[in-house]
Amino acid sequence: MKQLSAILILCSALFIVACKKSSSGTGGSTGGGGSTPFTPDCNGAAIQFSANVAPIISSSCAISSCHAAGSSNGPGPLTTYAQISAAKVQIRAAIISGAMPKSGTITTAQKNSIICWIDAGALNN
């Protein structure tokens, strides 16, 4: 009976610790490759594809070691509107989770531009 009680206590403690780790870290992040979820703010976000989103992805994502032409990382290359639009769900999830960009950083305003553009329908404008 003592062994069963000890096992139940140990399992309960492990469960509590696991829950705390998975729910920690809320709020925004300005760095790249972190694990802190990002909360977008679309008030006043610049969400034009050609003027705002494409330049961010071109300089931060579509680089040689990440999502350039011929890439097999994640959703593959992100060099055209069609490729970016097709990967919009993955891009949004990666930015929100803090998983991307892995190298380098993008600003809060840049994250807002990408996510809010996607949330507004990911238009080719």
PDB file of N, CA and C in Angstrom:
ATOM      1  N   MET A   1       0.821  -1.187   0.000  1.00  0.00           N
ATOM      2  CA  MET A   1       0.000   0.000   0.000  1.00  0.00           C
ATOM      3  C   MET A   1       0.868   1.256   0.000  1.00  0.00           C
ATOM      4  N   LYS A   2       1.986   1.233   0.723  1.00  0.00           N
ATOM      5  CA  LYS A   2       2.887   2.386   0.753  1.00  0.00           C
ATOM      6  C   LYS A   2       3.489   2.622  -0.627  1.00  0.00           C
ATOM      7  N   GLN A   3       3.785   1.529  -1.356  1.00  0.00           N
ATOM      8  CA  GLN A   3       4.351   1.681  -2.688  1.00  0.00           C
ATOM      9  C   GLN A   3       3.343   2.332  -3.632  1.00  0.00           C
ATOM     10  N   LEU A   4       2.100   1.941  -3.545  1.00  0.00           N
ATOM     11  CA  LEU A   4       1.065   2.519  -4.390  1.00  0.00           C
ATOM     12  C   LEU A   4       0.901   4.010  -4.095  1.00  0.00           C
ATOM     13  N   SER A   5       0.916   4.370  -2.831  1.00  0.00           N
ATOM     14  CA  SER A   5       0.808   5.790  -2.446  1.00  0.00           C
ATOM     15  C   SER A   5       1.999   6.580  -2.972  1.00  0.00           C
ATOM     16  N   ALA A   6       3.184   6.016  -2.856  1.00  0.00           N
ATOM     17  CA  ALA A   6       4.391   6.688  -3.343  1.00  0.00           C
ATOM     18  C   ALA A   6       4.324   6.879  -4.858  1.00  0.00           C
ATOM     19  N   ILE A   7       3.837   5.892  -5.570  1.00  0.00           N
ATOM     20  CA  ILE A   7       3.727   5.982  -7.030  1.00  0.00           C
ATOM     21  C   ILE A   7       2.705   7.055  -7.413  1.00  0.00           C
ATOM     22  N   LEU A   8       1.583   7.091  -6.717  1.00  0.00           N
ATOM     23  CA  LEU A   8       0.566   8.106  -7.004  1.00  0.00           C
ATOM     24  C   LEU A   8       1.088   9.513  -6.735  1.00  0.00           C
ATOM     25  N   ILE A   9       1.812   9.683  -5.665  1.00  0.00           N
ATOM     26  CA  ILE A   9       2.384  11.002  -5.352  1.00  0.00           C
ATOM     27  C   ILE A   9       3.398  11.407  -6.415  1.00  0.00           C
ATOM     28  N   LEU A  10       4.246  10.482  -6.822  1.00  0.00           N
ATOM     29  CA  LEU A  10       5.249  10.763  -7.848  1.00  0.00           C
ATOM     30  C   LEU A  10       4.586  11.130  -9.177  1.00  0.00           C
ATOM     31  N   CYS A  11       3.561  10.374  -9.568  1.00  0.00           N
ATOM     32  CA  CYS A  11       2.857  10.670 -10.816  1.00  0.00           C
ATOM     33  C   CYS A  11       2.182  12.034 -10.754  1.00  0.00           C
ATOM     34  N   SER A  12       1.585  12.354  -9.639  1.00  0.00           N
ATOM     35  CA  SER A  12       0.934  13.656  -9.481  1.00  0.00           C
ATOM     36  C   SER A  12       1.953  14.788  -9.590  1.00  0.00           C
ATOM     37  N   ALA A  13       3.096  14.626  -8.960  1.00  0.00           N
ATOM     38  CA  ALA A  13       4.143  15.646  -9.008  1.00  0.00           C
ATOM     39  C   ALA A  13       4.647  15.830 -10.438  1.00  0.00           C
ATOM     40  N   LEU A  14       4.857  14.735 -11.163  1.00  0.00           N
ATOM     41  CA  LEU A  14       5.311  14.830 -12.548  1.00  0.00           C
ATOM     42  C   LEU A  14       4.265  15.520 -13.421  1.00  0.00           C
ATOM     43  N   PHE A  15       3.010  15.219 -13.195  1.00  0.00           N
ATOM     44  CA  PHE A  15       1.932  15.836 -13.951  1.00  0.00           C
ATOM     45  C   PHE A  15       1.899  17.350 -13.724  1.00  0.00           C
ATOM     46  N   ILE A  16       2.038  17.766 -12.494  1.00  0.00           N
ATOM     47  CA  ILE A  16       2.019  19.192 -12.152  1.00  0.00           C
ATOM     48  C   ILE A  16       3.199  19.910 -12.794  1.00  0.00           C
ATOM     49  N   VAL A  17       4.378  19.326 -12.727  1.00  0.00           N
ATOM     50  CA  VAL A  17       5.564  19.937 -13.325  1.00  0.00           C
ATOM     51  C   VAL A  17       5.403  20.033 -14.835  1.00  0.00           C
ATOM     52  N   ALA A  18       4.897  18.986 -15.465  1.00  0.00           N
ATOM     53  CA  ALA A  18       4.716  18.999 -16.920  1.00  0.00           C
ATOM     54  C   ALA A  18       3.721  20.082 -17.335  1.00  0.00           C
ATOM     55  N   CYS A  19       2.653  20.243 -16.586  1.00  0.00           N
ATOM     56  CA  CYS A  19       1.661  21.278 -16.905  1.00  0.00           C
ATOM     57  C   CYS A  19       2.242  22.671 -16.763  1.00  0.00           C
ATOM     58  N   LYS A  20       3.044  22.895 -15.750  1.00  0.00           N
ATOM     59  CA  LYS A  20       3.644  24.212 -15.555  1.00  0.00           C
ATOM     60  C   LYS A  20       4.578  24.557 -16.692  1.00  0.00           C
ATOM     61  N   LYS A  21       5.375  23.605 -17.161  1.00  0.00           N
ATOM     62  CA  LYS A  21       6.310  23.879 -18.248  1.00  0.00           C
ATOM     63  C   LYS A  21       5.585  24.162 -19.552  1.00  0.00           C
ATOM     64  N   SER A  22       4.504  23.435 -19.826  1.00  0.00           N
ATOM     65  CA  SER A  22       3.832  23.635 -21.096  1.00  0.00           C
ATOM     66  C   SER A  22       3.025  24.913 -21.137  1.00  0.00           C
ATOM     67  N   SER A  23       2.639  25.465 -20.009  1.00  0.00           N
ATOM     68  CA  SER A  23       1.833  26.675 -20.031  1.00  0.00           C
ATOM     69  C   SER A  23       2.625  27.924 -19.694  1.00  0.00           C
ATOM     70  N   SER A  24       3.911  27.818 -19.472  1.00  0.00           N
ATOM     71  CA  SER A  24       4.695  29.000 -19.129  1.00  0.00           C
ATOM     72  C   SER A  24       5.008  29.810 -20.364  1.00  0.00           C
ATOM     73  N   GLY A  25       5.287  31.101 -20.142  1.00  0.00           N
ATOM     74  CA  GLY A  25       5.741  31.942 -21.244  1.00  0.00           C
ATOM     75  C   GLY A  25       4.636  32.485 -22.101  1.00  0.00           C
ATOM     76  N   THR A  26       3.836  33.389 -21.590  1.00  0.00           N
ATOM     77  CA  THR A  26       2.852  34.054 -22.417  1.00  0.00           C
ATOM     78  C   THR A  26       3.306  35.466 -22.665  1.00  0.00           C
ATOM     79  N   GLY A  27       2.752  36.055 -23.694  1.00  0.00           N
ATOM     80  CA  GLY A  27       3.123  37.429 -24.004  1.00  0.00           C
ATOM     81  C   GLY A  27       3.866  37.499 -25.313  1.00  0.00           C
ATOM     82  N   GLY A  28       4.383  38.665 -25.623  1.00  0.00           N
ATOM     83  CA  GLY A  28       5.020  38.879 -26.912  1.00  0.00           C
ATOM     84  C   GLY A  28       6.507  38.635 -26.875  1.00  0.00           C
ATOM     85  N   SER A  29       7.061  38.484 -28.067  1.00  0.00           N
ATOM     86  CA  SER A  29       8.489  38.267 -28.222  1.00  0.00           C
ATOM     87  C   SER A  29       8.957  39.083 -29.402  1.00  0.00           C
ATOM     88  N   THR A  30      10.125  39.687 -29.294  1.00  0.00           N
ATOM     89  CA  THR A  30      10.641  40.437 -30.420  1.00  0.00           C
ATOM     90  C   THR A  30      11.816  39.738 -31.064  1.00  0.00           C
ATOM     91  N   GLY A  31      12.347  38.739 -30.437  1.00  0.00           N
ATOM     92  CA  GLY A  31      13.487  38.025 -30.984  1.00  0.00           C
ATOM     93  C   GLY A  31      13.057  36.880 -31.854  1.00  0.00           C
ATOM     94  N   GLY A  32      14.033  36.204 -32.453  1.00  0.00           N
ATOM     95  CA  GLY A  32      13.741  35.071 -33.308  1.00  0.00           C
ATOM     96  C   GLY A  32      14.152  33.787 -32.645  1.00  0.00           C
ATOM     97  N   GLY A  33      13.478  32.714 -33.023  1.00  0.00           N
ATOM     98  CA  GLY A  33      13.849  31.396 -32.561  1.00  0.00           C
ATOM     99  C   GLY A  33      13.530  31.143 -31.105  1.00  0.00           C
ATOM    100  N   GLY A  34      12.824  32.029 -30.456  1.00  0.00           N
ATOM    101  CA  GLY A  34      12.469  31.830 -29.058  1.00  0.00           C
ATOM    102  C   GLY A  34      11.271  30.927 -28.918  1.00  0.00           C
ATOM    103  N   SER A  35      10.865  30.687 -27.698  1.00  0.00           N
ATOM    104  CA  SER A  35       9.711  29.840 -27.496  1.00  0.00           C
ATOM    105  C   SER A  35       8.566  30.594 -26.839  1.00  0.00           C
ATOM    106  N   THR A  36       8.668  31.899 -26.703  1.00  0.00           N
ATOM    107  CA  THR A  36       7.611  32.686 -26.101  1.00  0.00           C
ATOM    108  C   THR A  36       6.571  33.017 -27.161  1.00  0.00           C
ATOM    109  N   PRO A  37       5.316  32.640 -26.943  1.00  0.00           N
ATOM    110  CA  PRO A  37       4.283  32.936 -27.940  1.00  0.00           C
ATOM    111  C   PRO A  37       4.140  34.439 -28.170  1.00  0.00           C
ATOM    112  N   PHE A  38       3.817  34.801 -29.387  1.00  0.00           N
ATOM    113  CA  PHE A  38       3.657  36.193 -29.779  1.00  0.00           C
ATOM    114  C   PHE A  38       2.171  36.496 -29.930  1.00  0.00           C
ATOM    115  N   THR A  39       1.726  37.612 -29.388  1.00  0.00           N
ATOM    116  CA  THR A  39       0.342  38.044 -29.524  1.00  0.00           C
ATOM    117  C   THR A  39       0.311  39.223 -30.493  1.00  0.00           C
ATOM    118  N   PRO A  40      -0.290  39.039 -31.670  1.00  0.00           N
ATOM    119  CA  PRO A  40      -0.288  40.123 -32.656  1.00  0.00           C
ATOM    120  C   PRO A  40      -1.213  41.277 -32.275  1.00  0.00           C
ATOM    121  N   ASP A  41      -0.865  42.461 -32.762  1.00  0.00           N
ATOM    122  CA  ASP A  41      -1.689  43.655 -32.603  1.00  0.00           C
ATOM    123  C   ASP A  41      -1.848  44.259 -33.991  1.00  0.00           C
ATOM    124  N   CYS A  42      -3.031  44.144 -34.552  1.00  0.00           N
ATOM    125  CA  CYS A  42      -3.260  44.589 -35.925  1.00  0.00           C
ATOM    126  C   CYS A  42      -3.677  46.044 -36.046  1.00  0.00           C
ATOM    127  N   ASN A  43      -3.775  46.748 -34.941  1.00  0.00           N
ATOM    128  CA  ASN A  43      -4.114  48.175 -34.989  1.00  0.00           C
ATOM    129  C   ASN A  43      -2.978  48.947 -35.650  1.00  0.00           C
ATOM    130  N   GLY A  44      -3.238  49.453 -36.850  1.00  0.00           N
ATOM    131  CA  GLY A  44      -2.243  50.247 -37.558  1.00  0.00           C
ATOM    132  C   GLY A  44      -1.129  49.440 -38.206  1.00  0.00           C
ATOM    133  N   ALA A  45      -1.254  48.110 -38.235  1.00  0.00           N
ATOM    134  CA  ALA A  45      -0.213  47.281 -38.852  1.00  0.00           C
ATOM    135  C   ALA A  45      -0.181  47.496 -40.362  1.00  0.00           C
ATOM    136  N   ALA A  46       1.026  47.541 -40.910  1.00  0.00           N
ATOM    137  CA  ALA A  46       1.210  47.695 -42.351  1.00  0.00           C
ATOM    138  C   ALA A  46       1.048  46.314 -42.990  1.00  0.00           C
ATOM    139  N   ILE A  47      -0.039  46.116 -43.760  1.00  0.00           N
ATOM    140  CA  ILE A  47      -0.352  44.761 -44.235  1.00  0.00           C
ATOM    141  C   ILE A  47      -0.462  44.641 -45.752  1.00  0.00           C
ATOM    142  N   GLN A  48       0.235  45.462 -46.488  1.00  0.00           N
ATOM    143  CA  GLN A  48       0.273  45.330 -47.942  1.00  0.00           C
ATOM    144  C   GLN A  48       1.333  44.285 -48.293  1.00  0.00           C
ATOM    145  N   PHE A  49       0.976  43.329 -49.141  1.00  0.00           N
ATOM    146  CA  PHE A  49       1.925  42.266 -49.456  1.00  0.00           C
ATOM    147  C   PHE A  49       3.194  42.817 -50.095  1.00  0.00           C
ATOM    148  N   SER A  50       3.052  43.530 -51.217  1.00  0.00           N
ATOM    149  CA  SER A  50       4.249  43.948 -51.955  1.00  0.00           C
ATOM    150  C   SER A  50       5.084  44.984 -51.209  1.00  0.00           C
ATOM    151  N   ALA A  51       4.444  45.867 -50.459  1.00  0.00           N
ATOM    152  CA  ALA A  51       5.177  46.933 -49.774  1.00  0.00           C
ATOM    153  C   ALA A  51       5.696  46.524 -48.408  1.00  0.00           C
ATOM    154  N   ASN A  52       5.007  45.614 -47.728  1.00  0.00           N
ATOM    155  CA  ASN A  52       5.370  45.308 -46.341  1.00  0.00           C
ATOM    156  C   ASN A  52       5.795  43.867 -46.123  1.00  0.00           C
ATOM    157  N   VAL A  53       4.956  42.927 -46.489  1.00  0.00           N
ATOM    158  CA  VAL A  53       5.190  41.517 -46.165  1.00  0.00           C
ATOM    159  C   VAL A  53       6.300  40.907 -47.017  1.00  0.00           C
ATOM    160  N   ALA A  54       6.239  41.086 -48.316  1.00  0.00           N
ATOM    161  CA  ALA A  54       7.251  40.492 -49.204  1.00  0.00           C
ATOM    162  C   ALA A  54       8.677  40.906 -48.830  1.00  0.00           C
ATOM    163  N   PRO A  55       8.945  42.198 -48.564  1.00  0.00           N
ATOM    164  CA  PRO A  55      10.319  42.566 -48.188  1.00  0.00           C
ATOM    165  C   PRO A  55      10.798  41.913 -46.883  1.00  0.00           C
ATOM    166  N   ILE A  56       9.887  41.739 -45.922  1.00  0.00           N
ATOM    167  CA  ILE A  56      10.276  41.090 -44.658  1.00  0.00           C
ATOM    168  C   ILE A  56      10.646  39.637 -44.913  1.00  0.00           C
ATOM    169  N   ILE A  57       9.792  38.938 -45.640  1.00  0.00           N
ATOM    170  CA  ILE A  57      10.054  37.519 -45.907  1.00  0.00           C
ATOM    171  C   ILE A  57      11.287  37.364 -46.782  1.00  0.00           C
ATOM    172  N   SER A  58      11.456  38.259 -47.745  1.00  0.00           N
ATOM    173  CA  SER A  58      12.628  38.197 -48.624  1.00  0.00           C
ATOM    174  C   SER A  58      13.934  38.364 -47.850  1.00  0.00           C
ATOM    175  N   SER A  59      13.959  39.283 -46.898  1.00  0.00           N
ATOM    176  CA  SER A  59      15.203  39.548 -46.174  1.00  0.00           C
ATOM    177  C   SER A  59      15.401  38.671 -44.937  1.00  0.00           C
ATOM    178  N   SER A  60      14.324  38.101 -44.405  1.00  0.00           N
ATOM    179  CA  SER A  60      14.451  37.335 -43.169  1.00  0.00           C
ATOM    180  C   SER A  60      14.202  35.836 -43.331  1.00  0.00           C
ATOM    181  N   CYS A  61      13.500  35.440 -44.382  1.00  0.00           N
ATOM    182  CA  CYS A  61      13.114  34.033 -44.531  1.00  0.00           C
ATOM    183  C   CYS A  61      13.680  33.399 -45.804  1.00  0.00           C
ATOM    184  N   ALA A  62      13.549  34.096 -46.910  1.00  0.00           N
ATOM    185  CA  ALA A  62      13.964  33.546 -48.202  1.00  0.00           C
ATOM    186  C   ALA A  62      15.453  33.742 -48.433  1.00  0.00           C
ATOM    187  N   ILE A  63      16.237  33.423 -47.421  1.00  0.00           N
ATOM    188  CA  ILE A  63      17.690  33.527 -47.518  1.00  0.00           C
ATOM    189  C   ILE A  63      18.265  32.139 -47.754  1.00  0.00           C
ATOM    190  N   SER A  64      19.507  32.059 -48.156  1.00  0.00           N
ATOM    191  CA  SER A  64      20.101  30.821 -48.652  1.00  0.00           C
ATOM    192  C   SER A  64      19.931  29.603 -47.748  1.00  0.00           C
ATOM    193  N   SER A  65      20.066  29.761 -46.444  1.00  0.00           N
ATOM    194  CA  SER A  65      20.016  28.584 -45.575  1.00  0.00           C
ATOM    195  C   SER A  65      18.622  28.271 -45.050  1.00  0.00           C
ATOM    196  N   CYS A  66      17.629  29.075 -45.417  1.00  0.00           N
ATOM    197  CA  CYS A  66      16.298  28.870 -44.829  1.00  0.00           C
ATOM    198  C   CYS A  66      15.242  28.512 -45.870  1.00  0.00           C
ATOM    199  N   HIS A  67      14.683  29.503 -46.538  1.00  0.00           N
ATOM    200  CA  HIS A  67      13.569  29.256 -47.454  1.00  0.00           C
ATOM    201  C   HIS A  67      13.810  29.879 -48.830  1.00  0.00           C
ATOM    202  N   ALA A  68      15.034  29.784 -49.329  1.00  0.00           N
ATOM    203  CA  ALA A  68      15.352  30.270 -50.667  1.00  0.00           C
ATOM    204  C   ALA A  68      14.870  29.249 -51.697  1.00  0.00           C
ATOM    205  N   ALA A  69      15.027  29.574 -52.955  1.00  0.00           N
ATOM    206  CA  ALA A  69      14.641  28.663 -54.030  1.00  0.00           C
ATOM    207  C   ALA A  69      15.308  27.304 -53.827  1.00  0.00           C
ATOM    208  N   GLY A  70      14.547  26.246 -53.978  1.00  0.00           N
ATOM    209  CA  GLY A  70      15.067  24.890 -53.829  1.00  0.00           C
ATOM    210  C   GLY A  70      15.090  24.374 -52.398  1.00  0.00           C
ATOM    211  N   SER A  71      14.682  25.184 -51.440  1.00  0.00           N
ATOM    212  CA  SER A  71      14.696  24.782 -50.035  1.00  0.00           C
ATOM    213  C   SER A  71      13.687  23.679 -49.761  1.00  0.00           C
ATOM    214  N   SER A  72      14.066  22.790 -48.847  1.00  0.00           N
ATOM    215  CA  SER A  72      13.124  21.760 -48.389  1.00  0.00           C
ATOM    216  C   SER A  72      12.806  21.956 -46.908  1.00  0.00           C
ATOM    217  N   ASN A  73      13.215  23.081 -46.336  1.00  0.00           N
ATOM    218  CA  ASN A  73      12.917  23.378 -44.938  1.00  0.00           C
ATOM    219  C   ASN A  73      11.449  23.740 -44.779  1.00  0.00           C
ATOM    220  N   GLY A  74      10.804  23.169 -43.789  1.00  0.00           N
ATOM    221  CA  GLY A  74       9.412  23.514 -43.483  1.00  0.00           C
ATOM    222  C   GLY A  74       8.540  23.484 -44.714  1.00  0.00           C
ATOM    223  N   PRO A  75       7.916  24.620 -45.036  1.00  0.00           N
ATOM    224  CA  PRO A  75       7.032  24.654 -46.209  1.00  0.00           C
ATOM    225  C   PRO A  75       7.788  24.771 -47.531  1.00  0.00           C
ATOM    226  N   GLY A  76       9.115  24.791 -47.483  1.00  0.00           N
ATOM    227  CA  GLY A  76       9.914  24.911 -48.699  1.00  0.00           C
ATOM    228  C   GLY A  76      10.263  26.350 -48.990  1.00  0.00           C
ATOM    229  N   PRO A  77      10.509  26.658 -50.262  1.00  0.00           N
ATOM    230  CA  PRO A  77      10.909  28.023 -50.607  1.00  0.00           C
ATOM    231  C   PRO A  77       9.766  29.017 -50.383  1.00  0.00           C
ATOM    232  N   LEU A  78      10.155  30.233 -49.993  1.00  0.00           N
ATOM    233  CA  LEU A  78       9.193  31.316 -49.789  1.00  0.00           C
ATOM    234  C   LEU A  78       9.674  32.529 -50.588  1.00  0.00           C
ATOM    235  N   THR A  79       9.691  32.385 -51.898  1.00  0.00           N
ATOM    236  CA  THR A  79      10.230  33.444 -52.746  1.00  0.00           C
ATOM    237  C   THR A  79       9.183  34.119 -53.622  1.00  0.00           C
ATOM    238  N   THR A  80       7.990  33.538 -53.725  1.00  0.00           N
ATOM    239  CA  THR A  80       6.936  34.125 -54.547  1.00  0.00           C
ATOM    240  C   THR A  80       5.658  34.284 -53.717  1.00  0.00           C
ATOM    241  N   TYR A  81       4.753  35.111 -54.231  1.00  0.00           N
ATOM    242  CA  TYR A  81       3.467  35.267 -53.550  1.00  0.00           C
ATOM    243  C   TYR A  81       2.771  33.914 -53.429  1.00  0.00           C
ATOM    244  N   ALA A  82       2.761  33.127 -54.489  1.00  0.00           N
ATOM    245  CA  ALA A  82       2.063  31.832 -54.474  1.00  0.00           C
ATOM    246  C   ALA A  82       2.622  30.919 -53.377  1.00  0.00           C
ATOM    247  N   GLN A  83       3.939  30.852 -53.245  1.00  0.00           N
ATOM    248  CA  GLN A  83       4.564  30.003 -52.222  1.00  0.00           C
ATOM    249  C   GLN A  83       4.240  30.514 -50.815  1.00  0.00           C
ATOM    250  N   ILE A  84       4.330  31.816 -50.635  1.00  0.00           N
ATOM    251  CA  ILE A  84       4.069  32.404 -49.317  1.00  0.00           C
ATOM    252  C   ILE A  84       2.607  32.220 -48.942  1.00  0.00           C
ATOM    253  N   SER A  85       1.713  32.474 -49.889  1.00  0.00           N
ATOM    254  CA  SER A  85       0.286  32.324 -49.631  1.00  0.00           C
ATOM    255  C   SER A  85      -0.068  30.872 -49.308  1.00  0.00           C
ATOM    256  N   ALA A  86       0.527  29.929 -50.033  1.00  0.00           N
ATOM    257  CA  ALA A  86       0.260  28.503 -49.787  1.00  0.00           C
ATOM    258  C   ALA A  86       0.744  28.065 -48.411  1.00  0.00           C
ATOM    259  N   ALA A  87       1.767  28.744 -47.881  1.00  0.00           N
ATOM    260  CA  ALA A  87       2.350  28.375 -46.589  1.00  0.00           C
ATOM    261  C   ALA A  87       1.874  29.274 -45.454  1.00  0.00           C
ATOM    262  N   LYS A  88       0.858  30.095 -45.692  1.00  0.00           N
ATOM    263  CA  LYS A  88       0.457  31.109 -44.714  1.00  0.00           C
ATOM    264  C   LYS A  88       0.084  30.535 -43.352  1.00  0.00           C
ATOM    265  N   VAL A  89      -0.547  29.383 -43.307  1.00  0.00           N
ATOM    266  CA  VAL A  89      -0.926  28.785 -42.021  1.00  0.00           C
ATOM    267  C   VAL A  89       0.326  28.385 -41.244  1.00  0.00           C
ATOM    268  N   GLN A  90       1.297  27.781 -41.937  1.00  0.00           N
ATOM    269  CA  GLN A  90       2.550  27.395 -41.292  1.00  0.00           C
ATOM    270  C   GLN A  90       3.363  28.609 -40.865  1.00  0.00           C
ATOM    271  N   ILE A  91       3.392  29.629 -41.697  1.00  0.00           N
ATOM    272  CA  ILE A  91       4.136  30.849 -41.368  1.00  0.00           C
ATOM    273  C   ILE A  91       3.549  31.493 -40.121  1.00  0.00           C
ATOM    274  N   ARG A  92       2.230  31.618 -40.088  1.00  0.00           N
ATOM    275  CA  ARG A  92       1.563  32.234 -38.942  1.00  0.00           C
ATOM    276  C   ARG A  92       1.860  31.467 -37.663  1.00  0.00           C
ATOM    277  N   ALA A  93       1.721  30.150 -37.723  1.00  0.00           N
ATOM    278  CA  ALA A  93       1.969  29.320 -36.536  1.00  0.00           C
ATOM    279  C   ALA A  93       3.415  29.445 -36.059  1.00  0.00           C
ATOM    280  N   ALA A  94       4.360  29.482 -36.995  1.00  0.00           N
ATOM    281  CA  ALA A  94       5.777  29.566 -36.633  1.00  0.00           C
ATOM    282  C   ALA A  94       6.118  30.903 -35.989  1.00  0.00           C
ATOM    283  N   ILE A  95       5.500  31.983 -36.463  1.00  0.00           N
ATOM    284  CA  ILE A  95       5.759  33.299 -35.871  1.00  0.00           C
ATOM    285  C   ILE A  95       5.090  33.404 -34.502  1.00  0.00           C
ATOM    286  N   ILE A  96       3.843  32.959 -34.410  1.00  0.00           N
ATOM    287  CA  ILE A  96       3.122  33.019 -33.135  1.00  0.00           C
ATOM    288  C   ILE A  96       3.850  32.216 -32.058  1.00  0.00           C
ATOM    289  N   SER A  97       4.338  31.026 -32.417  1.00  0.00           N
ATOM    290  CA  SER A  97       4.994  30.168 -31.430  1.00  0.00           C
ATOM    291  C   SER A  97       6.392  30.636 -31.070  1.00  0.00           C
ATOM    292  N   GLY A  98       6.972  31.494 -31.893  1.00  0.00           N
ATOM    293  CA  GLY A  98       8.338  31.947 -31.660  1.00  0.00           C
ATOM    294  C   GLY A  98       9.373  31.033 -32.290  1.00  0.00           C
ATOM    295  N   ALA A  99       8.910  30.049 -33.064  1.00  0.00           N
ATOM    296  CA  ALA A  99       9.836  29.108 -33.696  1.00  0.00           C
ATOM    297  C   ALA A  99      10.610  29.735 -34.857  1.00  0.00           C
ATOM    298  N   MET A 100      10.066  30.777 -35.464  1.00  0.00           N
ATOM    299  CA  MET A 100      10.715  31.423 -36.597  1.00  0.00           C
ATOM    300  C   MET A 100      10.779  32.928 -36.357  1.00  0.00           C
ATOM    301  N   PRO A 101      11.752  33.566 -36.892  1.00  0.00           N
ATOM    302  CA  PRO A 101      12.857  32.985 -37.641  1.00  0.00           C
ATOM    303  C   PRO A 101      13.880  32.342 -36.714  1.00  0.00           C
ATOM    304  N   LYS A 102      14.497  31.277 -37.193  1.00  0.00           N
ATOM    305  CA  LYS A 102      15.478  30.567 -36.363  1.00  0.00           C
ATOM    306  C   LYS A 102      16.756  31.372 -36.198  1.00  0.00           C
ATOM    307  N   SER A 103      17.206  31.984 -37.274  1.00  0.00           N
ATOM    308  CA  SER A 103      18.408  32.820 -37.158  1.00  0.00           C
ATOM    309  C   SER A 103      18.007  34.255 -37.451  1.00  0.00           C
ATOM    310  N   GLY A 104      18.557  35.156 -36.708  1.00  0.00           N
ATOM    311  CA  GLY A 104      18.189  36.551 -36.859  1.00  0.00           C
ATOM    312  C   GLY A 104      16.917  36.867 -36.098  1.00  0.00           C
ATOM    313  N   THR A 105      16.430  38.057 -36.294  1.00  0.00           N
ATOM    314  CA  THR A 105      15.219  38.487 -35.604  1.00  0.00           C
ATOM    315  C   THR A 105      14.360  39.302 -36.541  1.00  0.00           C
ATOM    316  N   ILE A 106      13.090  39.384 -36.202  1.00  0.00           N
ATOM    317  CA  ILE A 106      12.213  40.337 -36.852  1.00  0.00           C
ATOM    318  C   ILE A 106      11.518  41.112 -35.739  1.00  0.00           C
ATOM    319  N   THR A 107      11.204  42.343 -36.018  1.00  0.00           N
ATOM    320  CA  THR A 107      10.632  43.221 -35.006  1.00  0.00           C
ATOM    321  C   THR A 107       9.166  42.872 -34.739  1.00  0.00           C
ATOM    322  N   THR A 108       8.646  43.420 -33.685  1.00  0.00           N
ATOM    323  CA  THR A 108       7.227  43.255 -33.368  1.00  0.00           C
ATOM    324  C   THR A 108       6.371  43.797 -34.508  1.00  0.00           C
ATOM    325  N   ALA A 109       6.746  44.949 -35.054  1.00  0.00           N
ATOM    326  CA  ALA A 109       5.993  45.534 -36.169  1.00  0.00           C
ATOM    327  C   ALA A 109       6.012  44.604 -37.390  1.00  0.00           C
ATOM    328  N   GLN A 110       7.155  43.972 -37.655  1.00  0.00           N
ATOM    329  CA  GLN A 110       7.248  43.052 -38.789  1.00  0.00           C
ATOM    330  C   GLN A 110       6.392  41.810 -38.553  1.00  0.00           C
ATOM    331  N   LYS A 111       6.418  41.284 -37.331  1.00  0.00           N
ATOM    332  CA  LYS A 111       5.561  40.147 -37.002  1.00  0.00           C
ATOM    333  C   LYS A 111       4.096  40.518 -37.175  1.00  0.00           C
ATOM    334  N   ASN A 112       3.723  41.693 -36.688  1.00  0.00           N
ATOM    335  CA  ASN A 112       2.346  42.156 -36.845  1.00  0.00           C
ATOM    336  C   ASN A 112       1.967  42.265 -38.316  1.00  0.00           C
ATOM    337  N   SER A 113       2.848  42.792 -39.137  1.00  0.00           N
ATOM    338  CA  SER A 113       2.564  42.927 -40.574  1.00  0.00           C
ATOM    339  C   SER A 113       2.260  41.576 -41.202  1.00  0.00           C
ATOM    340  N   ILE A 114       3.104  40.595 -40.936  1.00  0.00           N
ATOM    341  CA  ILE A 114       2.912  39.277 -41.544  1.00  0.00           C
ATOM    342  C   ILE A 114       1.633  38.619 -41.034  1.00  0.00           C
ATOM    343  N   ILE A 115       1.471  38.560 -39.737  1.00  0.00           N
ATOM    344  CA  ILE A 115       0.309  37.876 -39.161  1.00  0.00           C
ATOM    345  C   ILE A 115      -0.989  38.593 -39.523  1.00  0.00           C
ATOM    346  N   CYS A 116      -0.996  39.906 -39.454  1.00  0.00           N
ATOM    347  CA  CYS A 116      -2.212  40.652 -39.755  1.00  0.00           C
ATOM    348  C   CYS A 116      -2.546  40.588 -41.241  1.00  0.00           C
ATOM    349  N   TRP A 117      -1.547  40.538 -42.104  1.00  0.00           N
ATOM    350  CA  TRP A 117      -1.776  40.334 -43.535  1.00  0.00           C
ATOM    351  C   TRP A 117      -2.448  38.982 -43.756  1.00  0.00           C
ATOM    352  N   ILE A 118      -1.945  37.953 -43.100  1.00  0.00           N
ATOM    353  CA  ILE A 118      -2.548  36.628 -43.223  1.00  0.00           C
ATOM    354  C   ILE A 118      -3.987  36.652 -42.707  1.00  0.00           C
ATOM    355  N   ASP A 119      -4.180  37.236 -41.520  1.00  0.00           N
ATOM    356  CA  ASP A 119      -5.515  37.284 -40.913  1.00  0.00           C
ATOM    357  C   ASP A 119      -6.506  38.093 -41.750  1.00  0.00           C
ATOM    358  N   ALA A 120      -6.004  39.034 -42.552  1.00  0.00           N
ATOM    359  CA  ALA A 120      -6.866  39.863 -43.397  1.00  0.00           C
ATOM    360  C   ALA A 120      -7.150  39.205 -44.746  1.00  0.00           C
ATOM    361  N   GLY A 121      -6.702  37.978 -44.935  1.00  0.00           N
ATOM    362  CA  GLY A 121      -6.993  37.263 -46.175  1.00  0.00           C
ATOM    363  C   GLY A 121      -5.810  37.008 -47.074  1.00  0.00           C
ATOM    364  N   ALA A 122      -4.622  37.450 -46.688  1.00  0.00           N
ATOM    365  CA  ALA A 122      -3.385  37.210 -47.453  1.00  0.00           C
ATOM    366  C   ALA A 122      -3.516  37.621 -48.911  1.00  0.00           C
ATOM    367  N   LEU A 123      -3.986  38.846 -49.123  1.00  0.00           N
ATOM    368  CA  LEU A 123      -4.196  39.342 -50.484  1.00  0.00           C
ATOM    369  C   LEU A 123      -2.885  39.645 -51.191  1.00  0.00           C
ATOM    370  N   ASN A 124      -2.894  39.499 -52.514  1.00  0.00           N
ATOM    371  CA  ASN A 124      -1.733  39.834 -53.325  1.00  0.00           C
ATOM    372  C   ASN A 124      -1.873  41.299 -53.737  1.00  0.00           C
ATOM    373  N   ASN A 125      -1.572  42.185 -52.785  1.00  0.00           N
ATOM    374  CA  ASN A 125      -1.751  43.615 -53.041  1.00  0.00           C
ATOM    375  C   ASN A 125      -0.457  44.384 -52.857  1.00  0.00           C
TER     376      ASN A 125
END
